[in-house]
Amino acid sequence: MTTLSIPEAARFLGVSDDTVRRWIAAEKLTGSKSPSGATVVDGLELARLVREQSESPADPTHVASSARNRFVGLVTAVTSDRVMSQVELQCGPHRVVSLMSTEAVRDLGLEPGSVATAVIKSTNVMVEVPGP
């Protein structure tokens, strides 16, 4: 069983350590003691809570798609030359960067402050875990 400390749980939830402690006291989360005596939270329970609490803005495109990785956000930067552009979106706490043609940027009307959806369809997604 993976456990996380209160500060680690707070970072994943986007709340303060004190909020996690209050949630444990209110039984919204279950705390237990580690062998060293520190209060920890079960990783699976935390994952469920993070998923329940995640709220993404509604996808404004209203299209059917096989891609499950859709991130609605705000365009924060567009860097263009004659042919190619780099578009940065802030999708919740995540920065997503896309390279596309400058023609596509113009056609989509992408500019800082506009709402856009990053759609990621990939069979090549790396997953990393902390090292020893």
Protein backbone atom coordinates (compact mmCIF):
# COMPACT_ATOMS: atom_id res chain seq x y z
CA MET A 1 0.00 0.00 0.00
CA THR A 2 1.38 3.40 -1.02
CA THR A 3 1.02 6.11 1.59
CA LEU A 4 1.68 9.81 1.36
CA SER A 5 2.54 12.32 4.04
CA ILE A 6 0.14 15.13 4.82
CA PRO A 7 2.27 17.71 2.90
CA GLU A 8 2.43 15.39 -0.14
CA ALA A 9 -1.34 14.81 -0.03
CA ALA A 10 -1.93 18.55 0.27
CA ARG A 11 0.17 19.23 -2.86
CA PHE A 12 -1.82 16.72 -4.91
CA LEU A 13 -5.11 18.16 -3.66
CA GLY A 14 -4.05 21.77 -4.10
CA VAL A 15 -4.90 22.60 -0.47
CA SER A 16 -2.98 23.39 2.71
CA ASP A 17 -1.59 20.82 5.15
CA ASP A 18 -4.14 22.09 7.70
CA THR A 19 -7.00 21.39 5.28
CA VAL A 20 -5.82 17.77 4.92
CA ARG A 21 -5.67 17.48 8.72
CA ARG A 22 -9.22 18.88 8.99
CA TRP A 23 -10.44 16.44 6.33
CA ILE A 24 -8.91 13.57 8.30
CA ALA A 25 -10.62 14.83 11.48
CA ALA A 26 -13.93 15.12 9.59
CA GLU A 27 -13.38 11.61 8.12
CA LYS A 28 -13.36 12.89 4.55
CA LEU A 29 -9.93 11.21 4.36
CA THR A 30 -8.59 8.35 6.43
CA GLY A 31 -5.34 8.97 8.21
CA SER A 32 -3.12 6.31 9.70
CA LYS A 33 0.23 6.27 11.44
CA SER A 34 3.45 5.34 9.67
CA PRO A 35 6.06 3.23 11.49
CA SER A 36 7.77 6.49 12.48
CA GLY A 37 4.52 7.84 13.96
CA ALA A 38 3.75 10.42 11.27
CA THR A 39 0.20 10.70 9.95
CA VAL A 40 -0.10 9.38 6.40
CA VAL A 41 -2.89 9.01 3.84
CA ASP A 42 -3.53 5.94 1.68
CA GLY A 43 -2.51 6.63 -1.94
CA LEU A 44 -5.52 4.85 -3.45
CA GLU A 45 -7.96 6.81 -1.30
CA LEU A 46 -6.16 10.04 -2.19
CA ALA A 47 -6.31 9.16 -5.91
CA ARG A 48 -10.08 8.66 -5.66
CA LEU A 49 -10.52 12.01 -3.90
CA VAL A 50 -8.31 13.84 -6.41
CA ARG A 51 -10.36 12.39 -9.25
CA GLU A 52 -13.68 13.30 -7.57
CA GLN A 53 -12.52 16.86 -6.95
CA SER A 54 -11.04 17.50 -10.37
CA GLU A 55 -13.14 19.93 -12.31
CA SER A 56 -12.30 20.81 -15.86
CA PRO A 57 -14.07 23.57 -17.73
CA ALA A 58 -16.62 22.30 -20.22
CA ASP A 59 -15.07 21.48 -23.59
CA PRO A 60 -16.30 24.25 -25.89
CA THR A 61 -15.71 22.22 -29.07
CA HIS A 62 -18.65 19.83 -28.54
CA VAL A 63 -17.19 17.23 -30.89
CA ALA A 64 -17.19 13.45 -30.64
CA SER A 65 -13.67 12.08 -30.48
CA SER A 66 -11.82 8.90 -29.67
CA ALA A 67 -9.16 10.94 -27.85
CA ARG A 68 -9.67 10.77 -24.09
CA ASN A 69 -6.96 13.23 -23.14
CA ARG A 70 -8.70 16.58 -23.64
CA PHE A 71 -7.52 19.60 -21.69
CA VAL A 72 -9.47 22.84 -21.85
CA GLY A 73 -7.40 25.90 -21.07
CA LEU A 74 -6.35 29.40 -21.90
CA VAL A 75 -3.75 30.26 -24.50
CA THR A 76 -0.94 32.01 -22.62
CA ALA A 77 1.59 32.55 -25.41
CA VAL A 78 1.95 32.23 -29.17
CA THR A 79 5.39 32.43 -30.79
CA SER A 80 5.30 32.39 -34.59
CA ASP A 81 7.59 32.65 -37.55
CA ARG A 82 6.59 32.46 -41.23
CA VAL A 83 5.92 28.71 -41.19
CA MET A 84 5.64 27.31 -37.64
CA SER A 85 4.22 28.43 -34.30
CA GLN A 86 4.53 27.38 -30.69
CA VAL A 87 1.29 27.69 -28.73
CA GLU A 88 1.25 27.45 -24.93
CA LEU A 89 -1.92 26.68 -22.98
CA GLN A 90 -2.51 26.68 -19.24
CA CYS A 91 -4.96 23.87 -18.54
CA GLY A 92 -5.59 23.97 -14.82
CA PRO A 93 -2.23 23.45 -13.17
CA HIS A 94 -0.73 21.99 -16.36
CA ARG A 95 1.19 23.79 -19.09
CA VAL A 96 0.62 22.22 -22.51
CA VAL A 97 2.79 23.24 -25.48
CA SER A 98 1.86 22.53 -29.08
CA LEU A 99 3.80 23.06 -32.30
CA MET A 100 1.68 23.74 -35.38
CA SER A 101 1.74 25.67 -38.60
CA THR A 102 1.36 29.43 -38.41
CA GLU A 103 -1.48 29.03 -40.90
CA ALA A 104 -3.34 26.84 -38.37
CA VAL A 105 -2.81 29.45 -35.64
CA ARG A 106 -4.35 32.10 -37.90
CA ASP A 107 -7.23 29.83 -38.99
CA LEU A 108 -8.07 28.96 -35.36
CA GLY A 109 -7.69 32.53 -34.17
CA LEU A 110 -5.30 31.48 -31.41
CA GLU A 111 -3.98 34.37 -29.34
CA PRO A 112 -3.15 34.87 -25.67
CA GLY A 113 -6.36 34.86 -23.65
CA SER A 114 -8.37 32.71 -26.05
CA VAL A 115 -9.95 29.44 -24.90
CA ALA A 116 -8.72 26.27 -26.59
CA THR A 117 -8.76 22.51 -26.06
CA ALA A 118 -5.55 20.50 -26.24
CA VAL A 119 -6.37 17.04 -27.60
CA ILE A 120 -3.72 14.39 -27.07
CA LYS A 121 -4.04 11.06 -28.84
CA SER A 122 -0.91 9.07 -28.30
CA THR A 123 0.20 5.53 -27.79
CA ASN A 124 3.58 6.80 -26.65
CA VAL A 125 3.13 8.33 -23.20
CA MET A 126 5.99 8.00 -20.74
CA VAL A 127 5.24 7.46 -17.06
CA GLU A 128 7.93 8.16 -14.48
CA VAL A 129 8.16 7.56 -10.75
CA PRO A 130 10.56 9.05 -8.22
CA GLY A 131 13.98 7.36 -8.16
CA PRO A 132 15.53 5.68 -5.14
